[in-house]
């Protein structure tokens, strides 16, 4: 089963999926009223947790470096993407960008990347 996922989830496909997901996330979040409607389904923290953990996983598997380098690349990419997301929100009159959201996104990414790095080392000690 792992072989099937390894074949389907190539680094290029993961990067493409991450970019598409990010553009959709930012784009849909920029439509007036969408964030409020999603807020009825889940809290803002839960939405951030789900979105940035998924994005972290895709970015982690989009590079083929050693696990520590993958982790650093992923954290750097998430820091930049989350900052751009919050900056865009700050420019919209009906949204607010918050440094606390950025910090939470980084916390989620750090947790996710830590687990992925440990999991990768456990499954393949040569990485």
C-alpha atoms as a PDB file:
ATOM      1  CA  UNK A   1       0.000   0.000   0.000  1.00  0.00           C
ATOM      2  CA  UNK A   2       2.882   2.387   0.770  1.00  0.00           C
ATOM      3  CA  UNK A   3       4.295   1.626  -2.683  1.00  0.00           C
ATOM      4  CA  UNK A   4       1.018   2.756  -4.299  1.00  0.00           C
ATOM      5  CA  UNK A   5       1.070   6.069  -2.454  1.00  0.00           C
ATOM      6  CA  UNK A   6       4.769   6.521  -3.201  1.00  0.00           C
ATOM      7  CA  UNK A   7       4.038   6.109  -6.899  1.00  0.00           C
ATOM      8  CA  UNK A   8       1.081   8.518  -6.850  1.00  0.00           C
ATOM      9  CA  UNK A   9       2.625  11.149  -4.596  1.00  0.00           C
ATOM     10  CA  UNK A  10       5.727  12.172  -6.472  1.00  0.00           C
ATOM     11  CA  UNK A  11       7.532  15.340  -5.327  1.00  0.00           C
ATOM     12  CA  UNK A  12       6.325  17.274  -8.384  1.00  0.00           C
ATOM     13  CA  UNK A  13       2.726  16.238  -7.809  1.00  0.00           C
ATOM     14  CA  UNK A  14       2.960  17.162  -4.136  1.00  0.00           C
ATOM     15  CA  UNK A  15       4.324  20.590  -5.005  1.00  0.00           C
ATOM     16  CA  UNK A  16       1.631  21.138  -7.625  1.00  0.00           C
ATOM     17  CA  UNK A  17      -1.059  20.019  -5.176  1.00  0.00           C
ATOM     18  CA  UNK A  18       0.360  22.355  -2.505  1.00  0.00           C
ATOM     19  CA  UNK A  19       0.321  25.323  -4.876  1.00  0.00           C
ATOM     20  CA  UNK A  20      -3.220  24.588  -6.077  1.00  0.00           C
ATOM     21  CA  UNK A  21      -4.439  24.098  -2.512  1.00  0.00           C
ATOM     22  CA  UNK A  22      -2.798  27.343  -1.359  1.00  0.00           C
ATOM     23  CA  UNK A  23      -4.246  29.391  -4.210  1.00  0.00           C
ATOM     24  CA  UNK A  24      -7.698  27.923  -3.586  1.00  0.00           C
ATOM     25  CA  UNK A  25      -7.402  28.492   0.160  1.00  0.00           C
ATOM     26  CA  UNK A  26      -6.381  32.135  -0.211  1.00  0.00           C
ATOM     27  CA  UNK A  27      -8.763  32.749  -3.101  1.00  0.00           C
ATOM     28  CA  UNK A  28     -11.824  31.259  -1.445  1.00  0.00           C
ATOM     29  CA  UNK A  29     -10.954  32.960   1.836  1.00  0.00           C
ATOM     30  CA  UNK A  30     -10.897  36.294   0.034  1.00  0.00           C
ATOM     31  CA  UNK A  31     -14.473  36.060  -1.187  1.00  0.00           C
ATOM     32  CA  UNK A  32     -16.715  38.228   1.015  1.00  0.00           C
ATOM     33  CA  UNK A  33     -18.790  36.135   3.416  1.00  0.00           C
ATOM     34  CA  UNK A  34     -17.027  32.798   2.810  1.00  0.00           C
ATOM     35  CA  UNK A  35     -14.975  32.975   6.017  1.00  0.00           C
ATOM     36  CA  UNK A  36     -18.054  33.745   8.085  1.00  0.00           C
ATOM     37  CA  UNK A  37     -19.930  30.799   6.572  1.00  0.00           C
ATOM     38  CA  UNK A  38     -17.020  28.461   7.279  1.00  0.00           C
ATOM     39  CA  UNK A  39     -16.911  29.861  10.814  1.00  0.00           C
ATOM     40  CA  UNK A  40     -20.348  28.371  11.361  1.00  0.00           C
ATOM     41  CA  UNK A  41     -18.954  24.917  10.574  1.00  0.00           C
ATOM     42  CA  UNK A  42     -15.622  25.081  12.408  1.00  0.00           C
ATOM     43  CA  UNK A  43     -13.584  27.484  14.496  1.00  0.00           C
ATOM     44  CA  UNK A  44     -10.871  29.608  12.928  1.00  0.00           C
ATOM     45  CA  UNK A  45      -8.165  27.636  14.755  1.00  0.00           C
ATOM     46  CA  UNK A  46      -9.519  24.332  13.471  1.00  0.00           C
ATOM     47  CA  UNK A  47      -9.593  25.686   9.912  1.00  0.00           C
ATOM     48  CA  UNK A  48      -6.020  26.952  10.231  1.00  0.00           C
ATOM     49  CA  UNK A  49      -4.925  23.641  11.760  1.00  0.00           C
ATOM     50  CA  UNK A  50      -6.410  21.583   8.949  1.00  0.00           C
ATOM     51  CA  UNK A  51      -5.244  23.825   6.128  1.00  0.00           C
ATOM     52  CA  UNK A  52      -1.669  24.350   7.284  1.00  0.00           C
ATOM     53  CA  UNK A  53      -1.103  20.758   8.388  1.00  0.00           C
ATOM     54  CA  UNK A  54      -2.244  19.545   4.951  1.00  0.00           C
ATOM     55  CA  UNK A  55      -0.075  22.162   3.254  1.00  0.00           C
ATOM     56  CA  UNK A  56       2.888  21.150   5.446  1.00  0.00           C
ATOM     57  CA  UNK A  57       2.514  17.497   4.478  1.00  0.00           C
ATOM     58  CA  UNK A  58       2.378  18.315   0.775  1.00  0.00           C
ATOM     59  CA  UNK A  59       5.394  20.628   0.978  1.00  0.00           C
ATOM     60  CA  UNK A  60       7.379  18.133   3.076  1.00  0.00           C
ATOM     61  CA  UNK A  61       6.926  15.454   0.432  1.00  0.00           C
ATOM     62  CA  UNK A  62       7.597  17.856  -2.440  1.00  0.00           C
ATOM     63  CA  UNK A  63      11.333  17.790  -1.746  1.00  0.00           C
ATOM     64  CA  UNK A  64      13.683  14.822  -1.763  1.00  0.00           C
ATOM     65  CA  UNK A  65      16.354  16.027   0.637  1.00  0.00           C
ATOM     66  CA  UNK A  66      17.194  14.418   3.956  1.00  0.00           C
ATOM     67  CA  UNK A  67      14.415  14.681   6.565  1.00  0.00           C
ATOM     68  CA  UNK A  68      16.032  17.561   8.468  1.00  0.00           C
ATOM     69  CA  UNK A  69      16.485  19.594   5.286  1.00  0.00           C
ATOM     70  CA  UNK A  70      12.934  18.770   4.234  1.00  0.00           C
ATOM     71  CA  UNK A  71      11.705  19.997   7.600  1.00  0.00           C
ATOM     72  CA  UNK A  72      13.602  23.278   7.336  1.00  0.00           C
ATOM     73  CA  UNK A  73      12.446  23.841   3.755  1.00  0.00           C
ATOM     74  CA  UNK A  74       8.851  23.159   4.742  1.00  0.00           C
ATOM     75  CA  UNK A  75       8.968  25.497   7.743  1.00  0.00           C
ATOM     76  CA  UNK A  76      10.515  28.263   5.659  1.00  0.00           C
ATOM     77  CA  UNK A  77       7.912  27.820   2.928  1.00  0.00           C
ATOM     78  CA  UNK A  78       5.045  27.803   5.442  1.00  0.00           C
ATOM     79  CA  UNK A  79       6.428  30.930   7.127  1.00  0.00           C
ATOM     80  CA  UNK A  80       6.416  32.735   3.789  1.00  0.00           C
ATOM     81  CA  UNK A  81       3.043  31.410   2.610  1.00  0.00           C
ATOM     82  CA  UNK A  82       1.319  32.123   5.926  1.00  0.00           C
ATOM     83  CA  UNK A  83       2.767  35.651   5.959  1.00  0.00           C
ATOM     84  CA  UNK A  84       1.476  36.291   2.438  1.00  0.00           C
ATOM     85  CA  UNK A  85      -1.922  34.876   3.436  1.00  0.00           C
ATOM     86  CA  UNK A  86      -2.132  37.185   6.452  1.00  0.00           C
ATOM     87  CA  UNK A  87      -0.910  40.170   4.402  1.00  0.00           C
ATOM     88  CA  UNK A  88      -3.636  39.582   1.830  1.00  0.00           C
ATOM     89  CA  UNK A  89      -6.211  39.341   4.607  1.00  0.00           C
ATOM     90  CA  UNK A  90      -4.918  42.617   6.030  1.00  0.00           C
ATOM     91  CA  UNK A  91      -5.498  44.343   2.692  1.00  0.00           C
ATOM     92  CA  UNK A  92      -9.134  43.282   2.471  1.00  0.00           C
ATOM     93  CA  UNK A  93     -11.615  45.589   4.225  1.00  0.00           C
ATOM     94  CA  UNK A  94     -13.781  42.689   5.426  1.00  0.00           C
ATOM     95  CA  UNK A  95     -10.880  40.564   6.766  1.00  0.00           C
ATOM     96  CA  UNK A  96      -8.099  41.124   9.268  1.00  0.00           C
ATOM     97  CA  UNK A  97      -4.592  39.769   9.128  1.00  0.00           C
ATOM     98  CA  UNK A  98      -3.187  38.762  12.496  1.00  0.00           C
ATOM     99  CA  UNK A  99       0.309  37.891  13.660  1.00  0.00           C
ATOM    100  CA  UNK A 100      -1.288  35.407  16.061  1.00  0.00           C
ATOM    101  CA  UNK A 101      -2.733  33.503  13.107  1.00  0.00           C
ATOM    102  CA  UNK A 102       0.713  33.405  11.513  1.00  0.00           C
ATOM    103  CA  UNK A 103       2.228  32.156  14.788  1.00  0.00           C
ATOM    104  CA  UNK A 104      -0.457  29.470  15.074  1.00  0.00           C
ATOM    105  CA  UNK A 105       0.179  28.385  11.476  1.00  0.00           C
ATOM    106  CA  UNK A 106       3.874  28.071  12.289  1.00  0.00           C
ATOM    107  CA  UNK A 107       3.094  26.041  15.413  1.00  0.00           C
ATOM    108  CA  UNK A 108       0.924  23.691  13.352  1.00  0.00           C
ATOM    109  CA  UNK A 109       3.634  23.360  10.700  1.00  0.00           C
ATOM    110  CA  UNK A 110       6.329  22.703  13.321  1.00  0.00           C
ATOM    111  CA  UNK A 111       4.224  19.986  14.946  1.00  0.00           C
ATOM    112  CA  UNK A 112       3.370  18.388  11.621  1.00  0.00           C
ATOM    113  CA  UNK A 113       6.936  18.532  10.292  1.00  0.00           C
ATOM    114  CA  UNK A 114       8.324  17.125  13.553  1.00  0.00           C
ATOM    115  CA  UNK A 115       5.999  14.137  13.331  1.00  0.00           C
ATOM    116  CA  UNK A 116       6.784  13.630   9.641  1.00  0.00           C
ATOM    117  CA  UNK A 117      10.529  13.776  10.309  1.00  0.00           C
ATOM    118  CA  UNK A 118      10.297  11.256  13.138  1.00  0.00           C
ATOM    119  CA  UNK A 119       8.011   9.037  11.076  1.00  0.00           C
ATOM    120  CA  UNK A 120      10.358   9.178   8.068  1.00  0.00           C
ATOM    121  CA  UNK A 121      13.401   8.327  10.184  1.00  0.00           C
ATOM    122  CA  UNK A 122      11.509   5.477  11.840  1.00  0.00           C
ATOM    123  CA  UNK A 123      10.432   3.949   8.524  1.00  0.00           C
ATOM    124  CA  UNK A 124      13.678   4.527   6.670  1.00  0.00           C
ATOM    125  CA  UNK A 125      16.686   5.017   8.981  1.00  0.00           C
ATOM    126  CA  UNK A 126      18.955   5.694   5.995  1.00  0.00           C
ATOM    127  CA  UNK A 127      17.167   8.999   5.234  1.00  0.00           C
END
